[in-house]
């Protein structure tokens, strides 16, 4: 996957490893989840209209376009959640988080 988000400054901060969709991502201390995922060449979701990768919309925690999930189904806003060592997130909701619809 091509990287479209590049770090140009503040490269001196300590590295922090997280996991996104089962892949280890190295971020820097103080990064948000959004910055870490995009810098690693990832994306947050796929557009329901065009099927293209999306990276969030407002980037300030208001729109929920950048929501990621924890293993237990918890939701985090990637644009405003700082990375922490060992954090594991998923860009798709875990199946357990979505109960089946009752017809």
PDB file of N, CA and C in Angstrom:
ATOM      1  N   UNK A   1       0.844  -1.164   0.000  1.00  0.00           N
ATOM      2  CA  UNK A   1       0.000   0.000   0.000  1.00  0.00           C
ATOM      3  C   UNK A   1       0.898   1.238   0.000  1.00  0.00           C
ATOM      4  N   UNK A   2       0.693   2.179  -0.915  1.00  0.00           N
ATOM      5  CA  UNK A   2       1.550   3.359  -0.964  1.00  0.00           C
ATOM      6  C   UNK A   2       1.298   4.297   0.217  1.00  0.00           C
ATOM      7  N   UNK A   3       2.359   4.897   0.692  1.00  0.00           N
ATOM      8  CA  UNK A   3       2.256   5.847   1.789  1.00  0.00           C
ATOM      9  C   UNK A   3       1.951   7.224   1.209  1.00  0.00           C
ATOM     10  N   UNK A   4       0.881   7.855   1.681  1.00  0.00           N
ATOM     11  CA  UNK A   4       0.526   9.180   1.189  1.00  0.00           C
ATOM     12  C   UNK A   4       0.640  10.235   2.281  1.00  0.00           C
ATOM     13  N   UNK A   5       1.021   9.835   3.471  1.00  0.00           N
ATOM     14  CA  UNK A   5       1.150  10.719   4.608  1.00  0.00           C
ATOM     15  C   UNK A   5       2.568  10.562   5.123  1.00  0.00           C
ATOM     16  N   UNK A   6       3.374  11.609   5.058  1.00  0.00           N
ATOM     17  CA  UNK A   6       4.785  11.511   5.441  1.00  0.00           C
ATOM     18  C   UNK A   6       5.113  12.456   6.582  1.00  0.00           C
ATOM     19  N   UNK A   7       5.941  11.969   7.507  1.00  0.00           N
ATOM     20  CA  UNK A   7       6.395  12.776   8.632  1.00  0.00           C
ATOM     21  C   UNK A   7       7.583  13.613   8.161  1.00  0.00           C
ATOM     22  N   UNK A   8       7.479  14.909   8.314  1.00  0.00           N
ATOM     23  CA  UNK A   8       8.549  15.810   7.895  1.00  0.00           C
ATOM     24  C   UNK A   8       9.310  16.410   9.071  1.00  0.00           C
ATOM     25  N   UNK A   9       8.731  16.384  10.238  1.00  0.00           N
ATOM     26  CA  UNK A   9       9.361  17.002  11.400  1.00  0.00           C
ATOM     27  C   UNK A   9       9.067  16.174  12.648  1.00  0.00           C
ATOM     28  N   UNK A  10       9.643  16.584  13.748  1.00  0.00           N
ATOM     29  CA  UNK A  10       9.441  15.940  15.043  1.00  0.00           C
ATOM     30  C   UNK A  10       9.764  14.445  15.024  1.00  0.00           C
ATOM     31  N   UNK A  11      10.830  14.101  14.356  1.00  0.00           N
ATOM     32  CA  UNK A  11      11.217  12.693  14.255  1.00  0.00           C
ATOM     33  C   UNK A  11      12.016  12.211  15.460  1.00  0.00           C
ATOM     34  N   UNK A  12      12.306  13.081  16.412  1.00  0.00           N
ATOM     35  CA  UNK A  12      13.120  12.745  17.582  1.00  0.00           C
ATOM     36  C   UNK A  12      12.329  12.089  18.711  1.00  0.00           C
ATOM     37  N   UNK A  13      10.997  12.080  18.623  1.00  0.00           N
ATOM     38  CA  UNK A  13      10.187  11.519  19.703  1.00  0.00           C
ATOM     39  C   UNK A  13      10.358  10.008  19.805  1.00  0.00           C
ATOM     40  N   UNK A  14      10.124   9.478  20.983  1.00  0.00           N
ATOM     41  CA  UNK A  14      10.293   8.037  21.233  1.00  0.00           C
ATOM     42  C   UNK A  14       9.292   7.217  20.415  1.00  0.00           C
ATOM     43  N   UNK A  15       9.738   6.071  19.871  1.00  0.00           N
ATOM     44  CA  UNK A  15       8.818   5.199  19.124  1.00  0.00           C
ATOM     45  C   UNK A  15       7.843   4.483  20.061  1.00  0.00           C
ATOM     46  N   UNK A  16       6.630   4.260  19.543  1.00  0.00           N
ATOM     47  CA  UNK A  16       5.568   3.551  20.270  1.00  0.00           C
ATOM     48  C   UNK A  16       4.969   2.553  19.296  1.00  0.00           C
ATOM     49  N   UNK A  17       4.904   1.267  19.689  1.00  0.00           N
ATOM     50  CA  UNK A  17       4.308   0.257  18.820  1.00  0.00           C
ATOM     51  C   UNK A  17       2.846   0.025  19.182  1.00  0.00           C
ATOM     52  N   UNK A  18       2.001   0.056  18.152  1.00  0.00           N
ATOM     53  CA  UNK A  18       0.591  -0.286  18.284  1.00  0.00           C
ATOM     54  C   UNK A  18       0.286  -1.339  17.229  1.00  0.00           C
ATOM     55  N   UNK A  19      -0.916  -1.862  17.257  1.00  0.00           N
ATOM     56  CA  UNK A  19      -1.341  -2.821  16.241  1.00  0.00           C
ATOM     57  C   UNK A  19      -2.612  -2.303  15.598  1.00  0.00           C
ATOM     58  N   UNK A  20      -2.638  -2.292  14.272  1.00  0.00           N
ATOM     59  CA  UNK A  20      -3.820  -1.876  13.524  1.00  0.00           C
ATOM     60  C   UNK A  20      -4.181  -2.991  12.557  1.00  0.00           C
ATOM     61  N   UNK A  21      -5.360  -3.549  12.719  1.00  0.00           N
ATOM     62  CA  UNK A  21      -5.819  -4.664  11.875  1.00  0.00           C
ATOM     63  C   UNK A  21      -4.825  -5.818  11.872  1.00  0.00           C
ATOM     64  N   UNK A  22      -4.210  -6.074  13.030  1.00  0.00           N
ATOM     65  CA  UNK A  22      -3.276  -7.182  13.174  1.00  0.00           C
ATOM     66  C   UNK A  22      -1.869  -6.886  12.705  1.00  0.00           C
ATOM     67  N   UNK A  23      -1.623  -5.682  12.206  1.00  0.00           N
ATOM     68  CA  UNK A  23      -0.301  -5.301  11.693  1.00  0.00           C
ATOM     69  C   UNK A  23       0.363  -4.355  12.683  1.00  0.00           C
ATOM     70  N   UNK A  24       1.631  -4.624  13.022  1.00  0.00           N
ATOM     71  CA  UNK A  24       2.357  -3.756  13.938  1.00  0.00           C
ATOM     72  C   UNK A  24       2.685  -2.451  13.223  1.00  0.00           C
ATOM     73  N   UNK A  25       2.373  -1.349  13.897  1.00  0.00           N
ATOM     74  CA  UNK A  25       2.615  -0.006  13.370  1.00  0.00           C
ATOM     75  C   UNK A  25       3.482   0.724  14.388  1.00  0.00           C
ATOM     76  N   UNK A  26       4.566   1.317  13.924  1.00  0.00           N
ATOM     77  CA  UNK A  26       5.414   2.104  14.806  1.00  0.00           C
ATOM     78  C   UNK A  26       5.052   3.568  14.657  1.00  0.00           C
ATOM     79  N   UNK A  27       4.593   4.145  15.741  1.00  0.00           N
ATOM     80  CA  UNK A  27       4.238   5.563  15.794  1.00  0.00           C
ATOM     81  C   UNK A  27       5.299   6.274  16.624  1.00  0.00           C
ATOM     82  N   UNK A  28       5.103   7.544  16.829  1.00  0.00           N
ATOM     83  CA  UNK A  28       5.977   8.290  17.725  1.00  0.00           C
ATOM     84  C   UNK A  28       5.149   8.815  18.884  1.00  0.00           C
ATOM     85  N   UNK A  29       5.771   8.874  20.056  1.00  0.00           N
ATOM     86  CA  UNK A  29       5.091   9.364  21.253  1.00  0.00           C
ATOM     87  C   UNK A  29       4.437  10.706  20.960  1.00  0.00           C
ATOM     88  N   UNK A  30       3.164  10.830  21.315  1.00  0.00           N
ATOM     89  CA  UNK A  30       2.417  12.061  21.060  1.00  0.00           C
ATOM     90  C   UNK A  30       1.590  12.035  19.786  1.00  0.00           C
ATOM     91  N   UNK A  31       1.801  11.033  18.922  1.00  0.00           N
ATOM     92  CA  UNK A  31       0.991  10.895  17.708  1.00  0.00           C
ATOM     93  C   UNK A  31      -0.436  10.523  18.068  1.00  0.00           C
ATOM     94  N   UNK A  32      -1.367  10.887  17.214  1.00  0.00           N
ATOM     95  CA  UNK A  32      -2.722  10.365  17.325  1.00  0.00           C
ATOM     96  C   UNK A  32      -2.767   9.038  16.571  1.00  0.00           C
ATOM     97  N   UNK A  33      -3.812   8.264  16.813  1.00  0.00           N
ATOM     98  CA  UNK A  33      -3.992   7.028  16.050  1.00  0.00           C
ATOM     99  C   UNK A  33      -4.070   7.332  14.556  1.00  0.00           C
ATOM    100  N   UNK A  34      -4.762   8.398  14.208  1.00  0.00           N
ATOM    101  CA  UNK A  34      -4.900   8.771  12.798  1.00  0.00           C
ATOM    102  C   UNK A  34      -3.545   9.005  12.153  1.00  0.00           C
ATOM    103  N   UNK A  35      -2.690   9.790  12.797  1.00  0.00           N
ATOM    104  CA  UNK A  35      -1.355  10.062  12.247  1.00  0.00           C
ATOM    105  C   UNK A  35      -0.555   8.778  12.108  1.00  0.00           C
ATOM    106  N   UNK A  36      -0.622   7.907  13.106  1.00  0.00           N
ATOM    107  CA  UNK A  36       0.136   6.658  13.077  1.00  0.00           C
ATOM    108  C   UNK A  36      -0.328   5.743  11.948  1.00  0.00           C
ATOM    109  N   UNK A  37      -1.629   5.589  11.808  1.00  0.00           N
ATOM    110  CA  UNK A  37      -2.176   4.699  10.782  1.00  0.00           C
ATOM    111  C   UNK A  37      -1.884   5.230   9.382  1.00  0.00           C
ATOM    112  N   UNK A  38      -2.070   6.517   9.167  1.00  0.00           N
ATOM    113  CA  UNK A  38      -1.808   7.091   7.846  1.00  0.00           C
ATOM    114  C   UNK A  38      -0.325   7.070   7.506  1.00  0.00           C
ATOM    115  N   UNK A  39       0.544   7.353   8.479  1.00  0.00           N
ATOM    116  CA  UNK A  39       1.986   7.337   8.228  1.00  0.00           C
ATOM    117  C   UNK A  39       2.482   5.934   7.892  1.00  0.00           C
ATOM    118  N   UNK A  40       1.768   4.916   8.377  1.00  0.00           N
ATOM    119  CA  UNK A  40       2.148   3.532   8.094  1.00  0.00           C
ATOM    120  C   UNK A  40       1.585   3.047   6.751  1.00  0.00           C
ATOM    121  N   UNK A  41       0.887   3.928   6.045  1.00  0.00           N
ATOM    122  CA  UNK A  41       0.350   3.555   4.744  1.00  0.00           C
ATOM    123  C   UNK A  41      -1.042   2.983   4.792  1.00  0.00           C
ATOM    124  N   UNK A  42      -1.705   3.098   5.923  1.00  0.00           N
ATOM    125  CA  UNK A  42      -3.052   2.558   6.052  1.00  0.00           C
ATOM    126  C   UNK A  42      -4.124   3.590   5.768  1.00  0.00           C
ATOM    127  N   UNK A  43      -5.356   3.173   5.972  1.00  0.00           N
ATOM    128  CA  UNK A  43      -6.503   4.067   5.866  1.00  0.00           C
ATOM    129  C   UNK A  43      -7.501   3.643   6.942  1.00  0.00           C
ATOM    130  N   UNK A  44      -8.476   4.500   7.199  1.00  0.00           N
ATOM    131  CA  UNK A  44      -9.406   4.226   8.290  1.00  0.00           C
ATOM    132  C   UNK A  44     -10.659   3.495   7.872  1.00  0.00           C
ATOM    133  N   UNK A  45     -11.091   3.710   6.673  1.00  0.00           N
ATOM    134  CA  UNK A  45     -12.270   2.988   6.197  1.00  0.00           C
ATOM    135  C   UNK A  45     -12.346   3.125   4.691  1.00  0.00           C
ATOM    136  N   UNK A  46     -13.332   2.470   4.120  1.00  0.00           N
ATOM    137  CA  UNK A  46     -13.563   2.538   2.677  1.00  0.00           C
ATOM    138  C   UNK A  46     -14.874   3.284   2.453  1.00  0.00           C
ATOM    139  N   UNK A  47     -14.869   4.197   1.508  1.00  0.00           N
ATOM    140  CA  UNK A  47     -16.060   4.985   1.201  1.00  0.00           C
ATOM    141  C   UNK A  47     -17.186   4.079   0.741  1.00  0.00           C
ATOM    142  N   UNK A  48     -18.354   4.297   1.314  1.00  0.00           N
ATOM    143  CA  UNK A  48     -19.514   3.502   0.908  1.00  0.00           C
ATOM    144  C   UNK A  48     -20.019   3.903  -0.478  1.00  0.00           C
ATOM    145  N   UNK A  49     -19.575   5.027  -0.989  1.00  0.00           N
ATOM    146  CA  UNK A  49     -20.031   5.502  -2.293  1.00  0.00           C
ATOM    147  C   UNK A  49     -19.131   5.053  -3.437  1.00  0.00           C
ATOM    148  N   UNK A  50     -17.823   5.089  -3.226  1.00  0.00           N
ATOM    149  CA  UNK A  50     -16.889   4.784  -4.310  1.00  0.00           C
ATOM    150  C   UNK A  50     -15.990   3.588  -4.038  1.00  0.00           C
ATOM    151  N   UNK A  51     -15.994   3.083  -2.809  1.00  0.00           N
ATOM    152  CA  UNK A  51     -15.127   1.961  -2.483  1.00  0.00           C
ATOM    153  C   UNK A  51     -13.666   2.353  -2.351  1.00  0.00           C
ATOM    154  N   UNK A  52     -13.380   3.638  -2.236  1.00  0.00           N
ATOM    155  CA  UNK A  52     -12.012   4.132  -2.125  1.00  0.00           C
ATOM    156  C   UNK A  52     -11.637   4.336  -0.659  1.00  0.00           C
ATOM    157  N   UNK A  53     -10.339   4.227  -0.337  1.00  0.00           N
ATOM    158  CA  UNK A  53      -9.900   4.442   1.046  1.00  0.00           C
ATOM    159  C   UNK A  53     -10.190   5.859   1.531  1.00  0.00           C
ATOM    160  N   UNK A  54     -10.537   5.970   2.818  1.00  0.00           N
ATOM    161  CA  UNK A  54     -10.784   7.280   3.443  1.00  0.00           C
ATOM    162  C   UNK A  54      -9.881   7.428   4.659  1.00  0.00           C
ATOM    163  N   UNK A  55      -9.553   8.680   4.952  1.00  0.00           N
ATOM    164  CA  UNK A  55      -8.646   8.964   6.054  1.00  0.00           C
ATOM    165  C   UNK A  55      -9.265   9.833   7.128  1.00  0.00           C
ATOM    166  N   UNK A  56     -10.556   9.953   7.160  1.00  0.00           N
ATOM    167  CA  UNK A  56     -11.202  10.840   8.115  1.00  0.00           C
ATOM    168  C   UNK A  56     -11.691  12.089   7.395  1.00  0.00           C
ATOM    169  N   UNK A  57     -12.529  12.858   8.073  1.00  0.00           N
ATOM    170  CA  UNK A  57     -13.128  14.018   7.428  1.00  0.00           C
ATOM    171  C   UNK A  57     -12.758  15.313   8.134  1.00  0.00           C
ATOM    172  N   UNK A  58     -13.256  15.513   9.359  1.00  0.00           N
ATOM    173  CA  UNK A  58     -13.059  16.813  10.017  1.00  0.00           C
ATOM    174  C   UNK A  58     -11.711  16.925  10.721  1.00  0.00           C
ATOM    175  N   UNK A  59     -11.145  15.810  11.146  1.00  0.00           N
ATOM    176  CA  UNK A  59      -9.848  15.729  11.821  1.00  0.00           C
ATOM    177  C   UNK A  59      -9.808  16.476  13.159  1.00  0.00           C
ATOM    178  N   UNK A  60     -10.983  16.701  13.763  1.00  0.00           N
ATOM    179  CA  UNK A  60     -11.007  17.363  15.068  1.00  0.00           C
ATOM    180  C   UNK A  60     -11.987  16.708  16.047  1.00  0.00           C
ATOM    181  N   UNK A  61     -12.442  15.503  15.757  1.00  0.00           N
ATOM    182  CA  UNK A  61     -13.273  14.756  16.693  1.00  0.00           C
ATOM    183  C   UNK A  61     -14.747  15.062  16.670  1.00  0.00           C
ATOM    184  N   UNK A  62     -15.240  15.703  15.635  1.00  0.00           N
ATOM    185  CA  UNK A  62     -16.653  16.068  15.590  1.00  0.00           C
ATOM    186  C   UNK A  62     -17.502  15.158  14.715  1.00  0.00           C
ATOM    187  N   UNK A  63     -16.933  14.548  13.687  1.00  0.00           N
ATOM    188  CA  UNK A  63     -17.773  13.883  12.687  1.00  0.00           C
ATOM    189  C   UNK A  63     -17.876  12.366  12.808  1.00  0.00           C
ATOM    190  N   UNK A  64     -16.995  11.717  13.508  1.00  0.00           N
ATOM    191  CA  UNK A  64     -16.962  10.260  13.675  1.00  0.00           C
ATOM    192  C   UNK A  64     -16.568   9.496  12.409  1.00  0.00           C
ATOM    193  N   UNK A  65     -16.032  10.181  11.404  1.00  0.00           N
ATOM    194  CA  UNK A  65     -15.586   9.508  10.186  1.00  0.00           C
ATOM    195  C   UNK A  65     -14.321   8.691  10.442  1.00  0.00           C
ATOM    196  N   UNK A  66     -13.610   8.979  11.527  1.00  0.00           N
ATOM    197  CA  UNK A  66     -12.335   8.308  11.797  1.00  0.00           C
ATOM    198  C   UNK A  66     -12.435   7.280  12.918  1.00  0.00           C
ATOM    199  N   UNK A  67     -13.633   6.797  13.213  1.00  0.00           N
ATOM    200  CA  UNK A  67     -13.809   5.837  14.303  1.00  0.00           C
ATOM    201  C   UNK A  67     -13.079   4.537  13.981  1.00  0.00           C
ATOM    202  N   UNK A  68     -12.352   4.029  14.996  1.00  0.00           N
ATOM    203  CA  UNK A  68     -11.745   2.702  14.948  1.00  0.00           C
ATOM    204  C   UNK A  68     -12.256   1.938  16.167  1.00  0.00           C
ATOM    205  N   UNK A  69     -12.054   0.646  16.179  1.00  0.00           N
ATOM    206  CA  UNK A  69     -12.599  -0.192  17.249  1.00  0.00           C
ATOM    207  C   UNK A  69     -11.494  -0.920  17.986  1.00  0.00           C
ATOM    208  N   UNK A  70     -11.741  -1.176  19.259  1.00  0.00           N
ATOM    209  CA  UNK A  70     -10.855  -2.018  20.051  1.00  0.00           C
ATOM    210  C   UNK A  70     -11.360  -3.453  19.929  1.00  0.00           C
ATOM    211  N   UNK A  71     -10.584  -4.400  20.408  1.00  0.00           N
ATOM    212  CA  UNK A  71     -10.960  -5.818  20.289  1.00  0.00           C
ATOM    213  C   UNK A  71     -12.274  -6.131  20.989  1.00  0.00           C
ATOM    214  N   UNK A  72     -12.594  -5.402  22.049  1.00  0.00           N
ATOM    215  CA  UNK A  72     -13.841  -5.670  22.770  1.00  0.00           C
ATOM    216  C   UNK A  72     -15.027  -4.886  22.216  1.00  0.00           C
ATOM    217  N   UNK A  73     -14.842  -4.221  21.073  1.00  0.00           N
ATOM    218  CA  UNK A  73     -15.936  -3.497  20.434  1.00  0.00           C
ATOM    219  C   UNK A  73     -16.037  -2.037  20.812  1.00  0.00           C
ATOM    220  N   UNK A  74     -15.130  -1.560  21.681  1.00  0.00           N
ATOM    221  CA  UNK A  74     -15.128  -0.146  22.038  1.00  0.00           C
ATOM    222  C   UNK A  74     -14.753   0.721  20.846  1.00  0.00           C
ATOM    223  N   UNK A  75     -15.271   1.925  20.831  1.00  0.00           N
ATOM    224  CA  UNK A  75     -15.007   2.850  19.724  1.00  0.00           C
ATOM    225  C   UNK A  75     -14.058   3.955  20.178  1.00  0.00           C
ATOM    226  N   UNK A  76     -13.118   4.304  19.297  1.00  0.00           N
ATOM    227  CA  UNK A  76     -12.189   5.398  19.556  1.00  0.00           C
ATOM    228  C   UNK A  76     -12.157   6.306  18.339  1.00  0.00           C
ATOM    229  N   UNK A  77     -12.036   7.592  18.557  1.00  0.00           N
ATOM    230  CA  UNK A  77     -11.843   8.524  17.438  1.00  0.00           C
ATOM    231  C   UNK A  77     -10.352   8.605  17.166  1.00  0.00           C
ATOM    232  N   UNK A  78      -9.940   8.142  16.016  1.00  0.00           N
ATOM    233  CA  UNK A  78      -8.519   8.080  15.686  1.00  0.00           C
ATOM    234  C   UNK A  78      -7.877   9.452  15.616  1.00  0.00           C
ATOM    235  N   UNK A  79      -8.644  10.478  15.277  1.00  0.00           N
ATOM    236  CA  UNK A  79      -8.065  11.810  15.125  1.00  0.00           C
ATOM    237  C   UNK A  79      -7.746  12.478  16.449  1.00  0.00           C
ATOM    238  N   UNK A  80      -8.330  12.001  17.539  1.00  0.00           N
ATOM    239  CA  UNK A  80      -8.102  12.661  18.824  1.00  0.00           C
ATOM    240  C   UNK A  80      -7.616  11.715  19.923  1.00  0.00           C
ATOM    241  N   UNK A  81      -7.352  10.461  19.584  1.00  0.00           N
ATOM    242  CA  UNK A  81      -6.864   9.491  20.563  1.00  0.00           C
ATOM    243  C   UNK A  81      -5.355   9.321  20.415  1.00  0.00           C
ATOM    244  N   UNK A  82      -4.588   9.631  21.463  1.00  0.00           N
ATOM    245  CA  UNK A  82      -3.133   9.452  21.364  1.00  0.00           C
ATOM    246  C   UNK A  82      -2.767   7.968  21.390  1.00  0.00           C
ATOM    247  N   UNK A  83      -1.678   7.635  20.730  1.00  0.00           N
ATOM    248  CA  UNK A  83      -1.200   6.255  20.752  1.00  0.00           C
ATOM    249  C   UNK A  83      -0.682   5.935  22.148  1.00  0.00           C
ATOM    250  N   UNK A  84      -0.748   4.668  22.496  1.00  0.00           N
ATOM    251  CA  UNK A  84      -0.161   4.188  23.742  1.00  0.00           C
ATOM    252  C   UNK A  84       0.416   2.812  23.460  1.00  0.00           C
ATOM    253  N   UNK A  85       1.526   2.472  24.102  1.00  0.00           N
ATOM    254  CA  UNK A  85       2.188   1.189  23.821  1.00  0.00           C
ATOM    255  C   UNK A  85       1.231   0.009  23.952  1.00  0.00           C
ATOM    256  N   UNK A  86       1.234  -0.854  22.943  1.00  0.00           N
ATOM    257  CA  UNK A  86       0.431  -2.067  22.978  1.00  0.00           C
ATOM    258  C   UNK A  86      -1.022  -1.909  22.573  1.00  0.00           C
ATOM    259  N   UNK A  87      -1.465  -0.691  22.276  1.00  0.00           N
ATOM    260  CA  UNK A  87      -2.848  -0.471  21.865  1.00  0.00           C
ATOM    261  C   UNK A  87      -3.118  -1.231  20.567  1.00  0.00           C
ATOM    262  N   UNK A  88      -4.236  -1.931  20.498  1.00  0.00           N
ATOM    263  CA  UNK A  88      -4.629  -2.664  19.299  1.00  0.00           C
ATOM    264  C   UNK A  88      -5.979  -2.146  18.830  1.00  0.00           C
ATOM    265  N   UNK A  89      -6.050  -1.740  17.567  1.00  0.00           N
ATOM    266  CA  UNK A  89      -7.298  -1.218  17.011  1.00  0.00           C
ATOM    267  C   UNK A  89      -7.598  -1.898  15.679  1.00  0.00           C
ATOM    268  N   UNK A  90      -8.852  -1.771  15.275  1.00  0.00           N
ATOM    269  CA  UNK A  90      -9.314  -2.337  14.015  1.00  0.00           C
ATOM    270  C   UNK A  90     -10.064  -1.263  13.248  1.00  0.00           C
ATOM    271  N   UNK A  91      -9.897  -1.232  11.938  1.00  0.00           N
ATOM    272  CA  UNK A  91     -10.591  -0.234  11.126  1.00  0.00           C
ATOM    273  C   UNK A  91     -11.982  -0.701  10.720  1.00  0.00           C
ATOM    274  N   UNK A  92     -12.322  -1.941  11.040  1.00  0.00           N
ATOM    275  CA  UNK A  92     -13.670  -2.462  10.830  1.00  0.00           C
ATOM    276  C   UNK A  92     -14.198  -2.934  12.166  1.00  0.00           C
ATOM    277  N   UNK A  93     -15.475  -2.758  12.395  1.00  0.00           N
ATOM    278  CA  UNK A  93     -16.072  -3.160  13.670  1.00  0.00           C
ATOM    279  C   UNK A  93     -15.962  -4.669  13.853  1.00  0.00           C
ATOM    280  N   UNK A  94     -15.554  -5.108  15.040  1.00  0.00           N
ATOM    281  CA  UNK A  94     -15.557  -6.545  15.315  1.00  0.00           C
ATOM    282  C   UNK A  94     -16.981  -7.079  15.219  1.00  0.00           C
ATOM    283  N   UNK A  95     -17.131  -8.278  14.771  1.00  0.00           N
ATOM    284  CA  UNK A  95     -18.454  -8.874  14.619  1.00  0.00           C
ATOM    285  C   UNK A  95     -19.239  -8.844  15.922  1.00  0.00           C
ATOM    286  N   UNK A  96     -18.565  -9.026  17.045  1.00  0.00           N
ATOM    287  CA  UNK A  96     -19.253  -9.061  18.333  1.00  0.00           C
ATOM    288  C   UNK A  96     -19.880  -7.716  18.685  1.00  0.00           C
ATOM    289  N   UNK A  97     -19.434  -6.637  18.045  1.00  0.00           N
ATOM    290  CA  UNK A  97     -19.948  -5.315  18.360  1.00  0.00           C
ATOM    291  C   UNK A  97     -21.266  -5.020  17.648  1.00  0.00           C
ATOM    292  N   UNK A  98     -21.617  -5.838  16.693  1.00  0.00           N
ATOM    293  CA  UNK A  98     -22.817  -5.569  15.902  1.00  0.00           C
ATOM    294  C   UNK A  98     -23.798  -6.732  16.048  1.00  0.00           C
ATOM    295  N   UNK A  99     -24.755  -6.645  16.950  1.00  0.00           N
ATOM    296  CA  UNK A  99     -25.716  -7.744  17.089  1.00  0.00           C
ATOM    297  C   UNK A  99     -26.562  -7.858  15.813  1.00  0.00           C
ATOM    298  N   UNK A 100     -27.011  -9.047  15.508  1.00  0.00           N
ATOM    299  CA  UNK A 100     -27.817  -9.227  14.297  1.00  0.00           C
ATOM    300  C   UNK A 100     -29.127  -8.425  14.382  1.00  0.00           C
ATOM    301  N   UNK A 101     -29.579  -7.952  13.262  1.00  0.00           N
ATOM    302  CA  UNK A 101     -30.841  -7.226  13.205  1.00  0.00           C
ATOM    303  C   UNK A 101     -32.005  -8.194  13.365  1.00  0.00           C
ATOM    304  N   UNK A 102     -33.026  -7.765  14.065  1.00  0.00           N
ATOM    305  CA  UNK A 102     -34.209  -8.603  14.245  1.00  0.00           C
ATOM    306  C   UNK A 102     -35.229  -8.192  13.201  1.00  0.00           C
ATOM    307  N   UNK A 103     -35.674  -9.129  12.418  1.00  0.00           N
ATOM    308  CA  UNK A 103     -36.633  -8.813  11.337  1.00  0.00           C
ATOM    309  C   UNK A 103     -38.032  -8.707  11.837  1.00  0.00           C
TER     310      UNK A 103
END
